[in-house]
Amino acid sequence: QVQLVESGGGLVQPGGSLRLSCAASGILFEIATMDWYRQAPGKQRELVAQITNNYRLNYADSVKGRFTISRDNAKKTMYLLMNNLKPEDTAVYYCKAEPTYWGQGTQVTVSS
């Protein structure tokens, strides 16, 4: 049974930082392409960042230079370090193991 469990969300002030984690089980994590998506109220889910099994990285233009995706294959865990957070980063953040496995999401709220 595949499980992806996100953690690390919360309320943070503009300019602050958070680190999200995604713990995986039931998949061959070391060969999986892993993604972070987010969905804000009333908007479509969008890809935020991606890391392939050979550590190729892709970022949405809106987060380049502020967010960093990483993975620890030994721990079967993916991370998203989010710096200089803005109110428009407020969303539910989802972990995805391609092609079709999703986590339950973690809420990130950026507000003063």
Protein backbone atom coordinates (compact mmCIF):
# COMPACT_ATOMS: atom_id res chain seq x y z
CA GLN A 1 0.00 0.00 0.00
CA VAL A 2 1.40 3.34 -1.07
CA GLN A 3 1.41 6.11 1.52
CA LEU A 4 2.67 9.67 1.18
CA VAL A 5 2.45 11.73 4.34
CA GLU A 6 3.15 15.46 4.29
CA SER A 7 4.07 17.48 7.35
CA GLY A 8 5.53 20.86 8.23
CA GLY A 9 2.78 23.21 7.16
CA GLY A 10 1.45 26.01 9.31
CA LEU A 11 0.97 29.74 9.70
CA VAL A 12 3.94 31.99 8.96
CA GLN A 13 4.41 35.72 8.49
CA PRO A 14 5.43 37.18 5.13
CA GLY A 15 9.16 36.82 4.66
CA GLY A 16 9.28 33.76 6.88
CA SER A 17 10.31 30.19 6.14
CA LEU A 18 8.87 26.69 6.40
CA ARG A 19 10.16 23.25 5.52
CA LEU A 20 7.70 20.67 4.28
CA SER A 21 8.41 16.95 4.43
CA CYS A 22 6.87 14.05 2.52
CA ALA A 23 7.47 10.59 3.95
CA ALA A 24 6.89 7.76 1.49
CA SER A 25 6.20 4.07 1.93
CA GLY A 26 5.10 1.29 -0.37
CA ILE A 27 7.01 2.61 -3.40
CA LEU A 28 10.51 2.28 -4.79
CA PHE A 29 11.29 5.78 -3.62
CA GLU A 30 14.81 5.89 -5.00
CA ILE A 31 13.60 5.54 -8.61
CA ALA A 32 10.51 7.74 -8.31
CA THR A 33 10.15 11.21 -9.71
CA MET A 34 8.70 13.25 -6.88
CA ASP A 35 6.70 16.48 -7.06
CA TRP A 36 5.30 19.19 -4.84
CA TYR A 37 2.01 20.68 -5.97
CA ARG A 38 -0.17 23.32 -4.39
CA GLN A 39 -3.77 24.40 -4.64
CA ALA A 40 -5.06 27.75 -3.46
CA PRO A 41 -8.78 28.35 -2.85
CA GLY A 42 -10.61 28.76 -6.14
CA LYS A 43 -7.55 27.90 -8.21
CA GLN A 44 -6.29 24.86 -10.06
CA ARG A 45 -3.66 22.63 -8.57
CA GLU A 46 -0.24 23.65 -9.87
CA LEU A 47 3.20 22.10 -9.96
CA VAL A 48 5.59 23.88 -7.61
CA ALA A 49 8.74 21.78 -7.84
CA GLN A 50 9.98 18.44 -9.11
CA ILE A 51 12.98 16.24 -8.40
CA THR A 52 13.79 13.22 -10.55
CA ASN A 53 15.57 10.04 -9.49
CA ASN A 54 18.83 11.48 -10.85
CA TYR A 55 18.29 14.76 -9.01
CA ARG A 56 17.20 16.87 -11.96
CA LEU A 57 15.26 19.83 -10.56
CA ASN A 58 12.39 21.88 -11.95
CA TYR A 59 10.63 24.84 -10.36
CA ALA A 60 7.64 26.98 -11.13
CA ASP A 61 8.72 30.49 -12.10
CA SER A 62 6.83 31.91 -9.13
CA VAL A 63 9.04 30.08 -6.60
CA LYS A 64 12.44 30.08 -8.30
CA GLY A 65 15.11 31.44 -6.00
CA ARG A 66 12.89 31.06 -2.92
CA PHE A 67 12.01 27.35 -2.73
CA THR A 68 14.39 24.38 -2.71
CA ILE A 69 13.32 20.79 -3.31
CA SER A 70 15.44 17.90 -2.07
CA ARG A 71 15.23 14.21 -1.28
CA ASP A 72 16.81 11.69 1.07
CA ASN A 73 16.51 8.25 -0.46
CA ALA A 74 17.75 6.52 2.68
CA LYS A 75 14.87 8.06 4.63
CA LYS A 76 12.41 7.80 1.73
CA THR A 77 11.58 11.43 2.33
CA MET A 78 11.27 14.50 0.12
CA TYR A 79 11.53 18.07 1.35
CA LEU A 80 10.53 21.55 0.27
CA LEU A 81 12.35 24.42 1.92
CA MET A 82 10.36 27.59 1.42
CA ASN A 83 12.03 30.93 2.11
CA ASN A 84 10.81 34.52 1.77
CA LEU A 85 7.22 33.34 1.82
CA LYS A 86 4.56 35.60 0.37
CA PRO A 87 0.79 35.72 0.96
CA GLU A 88 0.28 34.33 -2.54
CA ASP A 89 2.08 31.15 -1.45
CA THR A 90 -0.91 30.34 0.77
CA ALA A 91 -2.29 26.99 -0.37
CA VAL A 92 -2.61 23.33 0.45
CA TYR A 93 0.66 21.68 -0.55
CA TYR A 94 0.59 18.13 -1.88
CA CYS A 95 3.29 15.56 -2.36
CA LYS A 96 3.11 13.39 -5.46
CA ALA A 97 5.02 10.30 -6.51
CA GLU A 98 4.66 9.96 -10.24
CA PRO A 99 2.65 8.86 -11.95
CA THR A 100 -0.41 8.81 -9.73
CA TYR A 101 0.25 8.66 -5.99
CA TRP A 102 -0.77 11.66 -3.88
CA GLY A 103 -0.50 12.65 -0.25
CA GLN A 104 -3.34 14.17 1.75
CA GLY A 105 -1.89 17.68 1.74
CA THR A 106 -0.66 20.15 4.33
CA GLN A 107 -1.92 23.70 4.74
CA VAL A 108 0.50 26.61 4.39
CA THR A 109 -0.83 30.04 5.34
CA VAL A 110 1.26 33.18 4.90
CA SER A 111 -0.28 36.10 6.72
CA SER A 112 0.58 38.87 9.12
